[in-house]
Protein backbone atom coordinates (compact mmCIF):
# COMPACT_ATOMS: atom_id res chain seq x y z
CA UNK A 1 -26.94 11.46 -51.40
CA UNK A 2 -28.52 11.24 -48.18
CA UNK A 3 -32.03 9.58 -47.53
CA UNK A 4 -34.35 10.48 -45.14
CA UNK A 5 -35.60 7.86 -42.54
CA UNK A 6 -39.42 7.45 -43.39
CA UNK A 7 -41.19 8.25 -40.46
CA UNK A 8 -44.19 7.27 -41.93
CA UNK A 9 -42.97 3.58 -42.54
CA UNK A 10 -45.11 0.79 -41.26
CA UNK A 11 -44.74 -0.71 -37.23
CA UNK A 12 -43.44 -3.35 -38.89
CA UNK A 13 -40.82 -2.00 -40.99
CA UNK A 14 -40.07 0.12 -37.90
CA UNK A 15 -39.66 -2.68 -35.05
CA UNK A 16 -36.17 -3.79 -36.14
CA UNK A 17 -34.95 -0.44 -35.46
CA UNK A 18 -36.42 -0.04 -32.46
CA UNK A 19 -35.62 -3.30 -31.10
CA UNK A 20 -31.95 -2.33 -32.58
CA UNK A 21 -32.29 1.10 -30.50
CA UNK A 22 -33.22 -0.91 -27.21
CA UNK A 23 -29.87 -3.21 -27.57
CA UNK A 24 -27.84 -0.35 -28.11
CA UNK A 25 -29.21 1.62 -24.92
CA UNK A 26 -28.90 -1.70 -22.86
CA UNK A 27 -25.40 -2.75 -24.08
CA UNK A 28 -24.92 1.31 -22.79
CA UNK A 29 -26.48 0.99 -19.14
CA UNK A 30 -24.76 -2.32 -19.05
CA UNK A 31 -21.19 -0.63 -19.68
CA UNK A 32 -22.10 2.29 -17.47
CA UNK A 33 -22.99 -0.44 -14.62
CA UNK A 34 -19.88 -2.38 -14.79
CA UNK A 35 -17.69 0.46 -15.17
CA UNK A 36 -18.98 1.75 -11.69
CA UNK A 37 -16.05 1.57 -8.91
CA UNK A 38 -16.77 -0.90 -6.46
CA UNK A 39 -16.86 0.67 -2.82
CA UNK A 40 -15.03 -0.42 -0.38
CA UNK A 41 -14.39 0.78 3.21
CA UNK A 42 -11.23 -0.78 4.68
CA UNK A 43 -11.21 -0.81 8.71
CA UNK A 44 -7.96 0.30 10.64
CA UNK A 45 -6.89 0.77 14.18
CA UNK A 46 -5.44 4.96 14.65
CA UNK A 47 -2.30 3.48 15.47
CA UNK A 48 -2.08 1.80 12.64
CA UNK A 49 -2.00 4.85 10.43
CA UNK A 50 1.27 6.51 11.63
CA UNK A 51 3.25 3.25 11.12
CA UNK A 52 5.13 0.83 8.91
CA UNK A 53 1.34 -1.14 8.97
CA UNK A 54 -0.01 0.66 7.22
CA UNK A 55 2.80 1.00 4.37
CA UNK A 56 1.25 -2.27 1.69
CA UNK A 57 -2.20 0.18 1.56
CA UNK A 58 -0.94 3.27 1.24
CA UNK A 59 1.00 2.56 -1.86
CA UNK A 60 -1.41 0.24 -3.31
CA UNK A 61 -3.69 3.78 -2.89
CA UNK A 62 -0.83 5.85 -4.15
CA UNK A 63 -0.04 3.81 -7.36
CA UNK A 64 -3.47 3.52 -8.02
CA UNK A 65 -4.02 0.12 -8.16
CA UNK A 66 -6.95 -0.48 -6.08
CA UNK A 67 -8.52 2.09 -8.60
CA UNK A 68 -7.15 -0.17 -11.63
CA UNK A 69 -9.01 -2.80 -9.81
CA UNK A 70 -12.46 -0.97 -10.06
CA UNK A 71 -12.30 -0.44 -6.48
CA UNK A 72 -13.64 2.96 -4.21
CA UNK A 73 -11.15 2.60 -1.46
CA UNK A 74 -11.82 4.18 1.87
CA UNK A 75 -9.70 3.57 5.23
CA UNK A 76 -11.64 4.04 8.25
CA UNK A 77 -10.39 5.01 10.91
CA UNK A 78 -11.54 2.25 13.84
CA UNK A 79 -10.95 3.45 17.52
CA UNK A 80 -10.57 1.24 20.43
CA UNK A 81 -7.93 -1.79 19.42
CA UNK A 82 -8.36 -5.09 18.06
CA UNK A 83 -11.11 -6.32 19.18
CA UNK A 84 -13.05 -3.38 18.13
CA UNK A 85 -11.56 -3.75 14.26
CA UNK A 86 -13.95 -7.23 14.13
CA UNK A 87 -16.66 -6.10 15.70
CA UNK A 88 -16.43 -2.89 13.08
CA UNK A 89 -17.45 -5.55 10.61
CA UNK A 90 -20.19 -6.87 12.18
CA UNK A 91 -21.83 -3.04 13.04
CA UNK A 92 -21.68 -1.56 9.24
CA UNK A 93 -18.48 0.55 9.91
CA UNK A 94 -16.43 -1.48 7.70
CA UNK A 95 -16.48 -4.41 4.82
CA UNK A 96 -13.00 -5.49 5.40
CA UNK A 97 -10.44 -5.03 8.23
CA UNK A 98 -6.80 -4.99 9.10
CA UNK A 99 -6.64 -7.10 12.80
CA UNK A 100 -3.96 -8.72 14.00
CA UNK A 101 -4.76 -12.66 14.17
CA UNK A 102 -5.07 -13.27 17.73
CA UNK A 103 -7.97 -11.23 18.24
CA UNK A 104 -9.84 -12.87 14.91
CA UNK A 105 -9.13 -16.03 16.48
CA UNK A 106 -11.13 -14.99 19.82
CA UNK A 107 -13.50 -13.24 18.34
CA UNK A 108 -14.31 -16.15 15.66
CA UNK A 109 -14.31 -18.65 18.71
CA UNK A 110 -16.98 -15.90 20.58
CA UNK A 111 -19.11 -16.74 17.71
CA UNK A 112 -18.16 -14.03 14.93
CA UNK A 113 -18.15 -15.61 11.20
CA UNK A 114 -14.57 -13.17 10.47
CA UNK A 115 -11.72 -14.98 8.82
CA UNK A 116 -8.27 -13.83 7.23
CA UNK A 117 -8.41 -13.45 3.70
CA UNK A 118 -5.02 -11.98 2.63
CA UNK A 119 -2.00 -11.68 5.05
CA UNK A 120 -0.63 -7.86 5.87
CA UNK A 121 2.52 -8.87 8.00
CA UNK A 122 3.99 -12.01 8.89
CA UNK A 123 7.04 -12.18 11.43
CA UNK A 124 6.64 -8.45 13.07
CA UNK A 125 10.09 -7.36 14.32
CA UNK A 126 9.39 -5.66 17.61
CA UNK A 127 12.06 -4.33 19.43
CA UNK A 128 12.41 -3.80 23.45
CA UNK A 129 13.95 -0.92 23.99
CA UNK A 130 15.08 -0.01 27.47
CA UNK A 131 16.58 3.26 28.89
CA UNK A 132 20.37 3.60 28.72
CA UNK A 133 20.50 2.66 32.12
CA UNK A 134 19.11 -0.50 31.88
CA UNK A 135 22.25 -2.81 30.74
CA UNK A 136 20.78 -6.60 31.25
CA UNK A 137 17.04 -8.31 31.21
CA UNK A 138 17.96 -8.86 35.03
CA UNK A 139 17.82 -4.67 35.52
CA UNK A 140 14.40 -4.82 34.38
CA UNK A 141 12.94 -6.53 37.82
CA UNK A 142 10.84 -4.06 39.45
CA UNK A 143 10.50 -1.10 36.26
CA UNK A 144 7.97 -0.61 34.52
CA UNK A 145 7.22 -2.00 30.56
CA UNK A 146 4.90 -0.36 28.69
CA UNK A 147 2.64 -3.40 26.75
CA UNK A 148 0.39 -3.38 24.16
CA UNK A 149 -3.11 -5.32 24.63
CA UNK A 150 -2.35 -8.35 27.46
CA UNK A 151 -4.04 -10.65 24.25
CA UNK A 152 -2.38 -9.47 21.16
CA UNK A 153 0.37 -10.74 19.39
CA UNK A 154 2.95 -8.13 20.90
CA UNK A 155 2.60 -8.72 24.40
CA UNK A 156 2.28 -12.63 24.00
CA UNK A 157 6.25 -12.63 22.16
CA UNK A 158 7.18 -9.71 24.03
CA UNK A 159 6.57 -12.20 27.70
CA UNK A 160 7.77 -14.71 26.20
CA UNK A 161 10.92 -13.35 25.28
CA UNK A 162 11.18 -11.94 28.79
CA UNK A 163 10.70 -15.42 30.20
CA UNK A 164 13.02 -16.54 28.14
CA UNK A 165 15.65 -14.41 29.69
CA UNK A 166 14.24 -14.94 33.37
CA UNK A 167 11.76 -12.06 33.70
CA UNK A 168 8.58 -13.42 34.64
CA UNK A 169 4.29 -11.67 35.18
CA UNK A 170 5.76 -11.21 38.49
CA UNK A 171 9.14 -9.10 38.53
CA UNK A 172 7.84 -6.07 36.34
CA UNK A 173 5.49 -3.40 36.61
CA UNK A 174 2.98 -3.02 33.01
CA UNK A 175 0.61 -0.63 31.97
CA UNK A 176 -1.35 -0.64 28.61
CA UNK A 177 -0.48 1.79 25.88
CA UNK A 178 -1.47 1.44 22.68
CA UNK A 179 0.23 1.92 19.49
CA UNK A 180 4.00 2.30 18.63
CA UNK A 181 3.76 5.94 18.34
CA UNK A 182 2.28 6.30 21.89
CA UNK A 183 5.25 3.56 23.32
CA UNK A 184 8.28 5.48 22.35
CA UNK A 185 6.44 9.06 24.00
CA UNK A 186 5.82 7.08 26.91
CA UNK A 187 9.16 5.42 26.90
CA UNK A 188 11.12 9.54 25.71
CA UNK A 189 9.35 11.00 28.39
CA UNK A 190 10.28 9.25 30.68
CA UNK A 191 7.26 7.24 32.26
CA UNK A 192 8.37 3.67 30.89
CA UNK A 193 11.16 2.26 31.50
CA UNK A 194 10.45 -0.16 28.60
CA UNK A 195 9.04 -0.67 25.70
CA UNK A 196 8.24 -2.76 22.45
CA UNK A 197 8.44 -0.72 19.52
CA UNK A 198 7.77 -1.14 15.89
CA UNK A 199 9.64 0.21 12.82
CA UNK A 200 10.92 3.14 12.43
CA UNK A 201 10.79 4.25 15.41
CA UNK A 202 12.62 1.80 17.41
CA UNK A 203 15.95 3.53 15.18
CA UNK A 204 14.35 6.83 16.01
CA UNK A 205 14.87 5.74 19.80
CA UNK A 206 17.94 4.08 19.66
CA UNK A 207 19.54 7.39 18.08
CA UNK A 208 18.12 9.26 21.07
CA UNK A 209 20.04 7.12 23.36
CA UNK A 210 18.06 4.36 24.26
CA UNK A 211 19.37 0.56 24.21
CA UNK A 212 18.22 -2.06 22.22
CA UNK A 213 17.96 -5.24 24.75
CA UNK A 214 15.90 -7.60 22.55
CA UNK A 215 14.09 -8.77 19.52
CA UNK A 216 10.80 -10.37 19.47
CA UNK A 217 11.37 -12.63 17.09
CA UNK A 218 14.46 -14.41 19.17
CA UNK A 219 11.16 -15.80 20.81
CA UNK A 220 8.80 -15.73 17.70
CA UNK A 221 10.51 -16.83 14.94
CA UNK A 222 7.64 -17.78 12.68
CA UNK A 223 4.14 -16.01 13.17
CA UNK A 224 0.97 -14.42 10.99
CA UNK A 225 0.73 -11.05 12.69
CA UNK A 226 -1.92 -8.95 10.31
CA UNK A 227 -4.63 -9.84 8.28
CA UNK A 228 -7.06 -8.39 6.48
CA UNK A 229 -10.41 -9.76 7.89
CA UNK A 230 -13.78 -10.16 6.06
CA UNK A 231 -16.98 -11.69 6.87
CA UNK A 232 -17.73 -14.88 5.52
CA UNK A 233 -21.03 -14.04 4.76
CA UNK A 234 -19.80 -10.50 3.61
CA UNK A 235 -17.48 -12.26 1.50
CA UNK A 236 -19.12 -14.42 -0.33
CA UNK A 237 -21.91 -12.55 -1.71
CA UNK A 238 -19.27 -9.77 -2.58
CA UNK A 239 -16.68 -12.24 -3.87
CA UNK A 240 -15.68 -10.02 -6.75
CA UNK A 241 -14.62 -7.09 -4.67
CA UNK A 242 -12.55 -9.35 -2.16
CA UNK A 243 -10.56 -11.11 -5.11
CA UNK A 244 -10.12 -7.32 -6.65
CA UNK A 245 -8.62 -6.14 -3.24
CA UNK A 246 -6.38 -9.14 -2.99
CA UNK A 247 -5.34 -8.49 -6.35
CA UNK A 248 -4.52 -4.95 -5.64
CA UNK A 249 -2.62 -5.64 -2.45
CA UNK A 250 -0.56 -8.29 -3.83
CA UNK A 251 0.98 -5.94 -6.55
CA UNK A 252 1.77 -3.35 -3.78
CA UNK A 253 3.78 -6.26 -2.18
CA UNK A 254 5.55 -7.17 -5.31
CA UNK A 255 6.21 -3.27 -5.54
CA UNK A 256 7.59 -2.78 -2.08
CA UNK A 257 10.22 -6.29 -2.62
CA UNK A 258 11.51 -4.81 -6.01
CA UNK A 259 14.56 -3.30 -5.00
CA UNK A 260 14.28 -1.08 -7.83
CA UNK A 261 11.67 0.71 -6.05
CA UNK A 262 13.24 1.28 -3.08
CA UNK A 263 13.33 5.23 -3.06
CA UNK A 264 9.60 5.27 -3.05
CA UNK A 265 9.18 2.84 -0.44
CA UNK A 266 11.51 5.34 1.52
CA UNK A 267 9.72 8.05 1.17
CA UNK A 268 5.97 6.37 1.92
CA UNK A 269 7.60 5.06 4.88
CA UNK A 270 8.72 8.61 6.10
CA UNK A 271 5.62 10.77 4.58
CA UNK A 272 3.98 7.75 6.65
CA UNK A 273 5.55 7.81 10.18
CA UNK A 274 6.82 11.39 10.06
CA UNK A 275 10.31 10.11 10.95
CA UNK A 276 13.15 10.82 8.65
CA UNK A 277 14.37 8.63 5.61
CA UNK A 278 17.54 7.07 6.98
CA UNK A 279 15.34 5.34 9.97
CA UNK A 280 12.83 4.13 6.70
CA UNK A 281 16.06 2.69 4.65
CA UNK A 282 17.42 1.21 8.20
CA UNK A 283 13.78 -0.30 8.54
CA UNK A 284 13.86 -2.08 4.46
CA UNK A 285 17.20 -3.43 5.52
CA UNK A 286 16.54 -5.27 8.47
CA UNK A 287 13.54 -6.87 6.46
CA UNK A 288 14.90 -7.64 3.29
CA UNK A 289 19.00 -7.97 4.24
CA UNK A 290 18.27 -10.74 4.55
CA UNK A 291 15.38 -11.74 3.92
CA UNK A 292 13.25 -12.27 7.56
CA UNK A 293 9.76 -12.72 5.69
CA UNK A 294 8.38 -10.28 7.29
CA UNK A 295 6.16 -9.32 4.28
CA UNK A 296 4.30 -12.09 2.46
CA UNK A 297 5.54 -12.24 -1.31
CA UNK A 298 2.36 -11.33 -2.45
CA UNK A 299 -0.24 -11.75 0.40
CA UNK A 300 -0.07 -15.38 0.93
CA UNK A 301 -1.69 -16.73 4.15
CA UNK A 302 0.85 -19.19 6.01
CA UNK A 303 -0.59 -21.64 7.42
CA UNK A 304 1.73 -22.64 10.07
CA UNK A 305 2.48 -19.03 10.97
CA UNK A 306 -1.43 -19.07 11.83
CA UNK A 307 -0.93 -22.52 14.13
CA UNK A 308 1.52 -20.65 15.81
CA UNK A 309 -0.83 -17.56 17.04
CA UNK A 310 -3.06 -20.43 17.92
CA UNK A 311 -0.64 -22.35 19.82
CA UNK A 312 0.69 -19.07 21.99
CA UNK A 313 -2.96 -18.03 22.63
CA UNK A 314 -3.30 -21.70 23.94
CA UNK A 315 0.01 -21.29 25.89
CA UNK A 316 -1.17 -17.68 27.41
CA UNK A 317 -4.35 -19.36 28.47
CA UNK A 318 -6.43 -17.20 26.18
CA UNK A 319 -7.82 -20.37 23.98
CA UNK A 320 -8.99 -23.26 25.57
CA UNK A 321 -7.30 -27.07 24.21
CA UNK A 322 -7.99 -28.77 22.23
CA UNK A 323 -7.19 -25.71 20.29
CA UNK A 324 -8.83 -25.09 16.61
CA UNK A 325 -7.29 -25.73 13.59
CA UNK A 326 -5.78 -22.87 11.63
CA UNK A 327 -8.38 -23.75 8.90
CA UNK A 328 -11.15 -22.39 11.09
CA UNK A 329 -9.88 -19.00 10.98
CA UNK A 330 -8.80 -18.22 6.92
CA UNK A 331 -10.40 -18.53 3.72
CA UNK A 332 -8.25 -18.92 0.61
CA UNK A 333 -10.88 -18.75 -2.16
CA UNK A 334 -9.71 -15.05 -2.90
CA UNK A 335 -6.00 -15.53 -2.82
CA UNK A 336 -6.52 -18.77 -5.05
CA UNK A 337 -9.10 -16.78 -7.42
CA UNK A 338 -6.44 -13.95 -7.37
CA UNK A 339 -3.80 -16.44 -8.57
CA UNK A 340 -1.96 -15.41 -5.40
CA UNK A 341 -1.91 -18.69 -3.67
CA UNK A 342 -1.73 -22.39 -4.54
């Protein structure tokens, strides 16, 4: 038999019921608030969106790793190159940002509190691809080479490669061409005699008859190339968001590295760059057969790789001696909290 509630009960008798109702409402409101995803804006260069360097973020997004971590993740295109990617952290454009280590170091030395929180790419392999008639480094004398930003790691490593082979700054002409896709266009249209290309654009060029002259890794074997950066002040106030982000990225690296997932990774590369799957397979073979540690295992930051980046900036006269310690530009607490770095 159902018992009607006694609406005429005394206030003292009704108090426990009211307290219970209030507690239930509070628990429900807390659960609803905690289930709301954390909005996170990731700044990315326009050129990187069509390149292999977007692969970890795209896979993490497409496979739902960010969503599983409770993140409402958005990529925000940022025009203007490496320096602008750090500025985006200060002007409210982005919360975290893809950035090459030389730009991060220079920005921090100029007063930014931006630091690396997770690695995106190590040991980038840039192919120095040349017109078919160029048979040797000596043939580059007087020629036009399309380079990236002068103070960036691509140009630093390519200039080092050229110097190792007897070609110095005054031996050739250069022009700034931002991004591997645009450098490929410069080469194929004949405007550039030689360009550094990432993957899979280098394979595309070679299939068209252009020649591989050398690899950046011949000059720079151990390097921390691109990282996700955040301002120390913002990251400390949003630690949970940063930890969730690096944990999701760590899952993406593990997925990419698993041979069982090779075909899905190939299709993602092809969809990102717009090139044939055969070139994507060549790219992954270059990275992993044998292992060249182009990608981190789980997003861990290689301190020695950062030291190399700083050393090269010193050699190029971009950073003055005494050179700053690598720890100045890195914050490992988020990787450690996610269980991804010792």
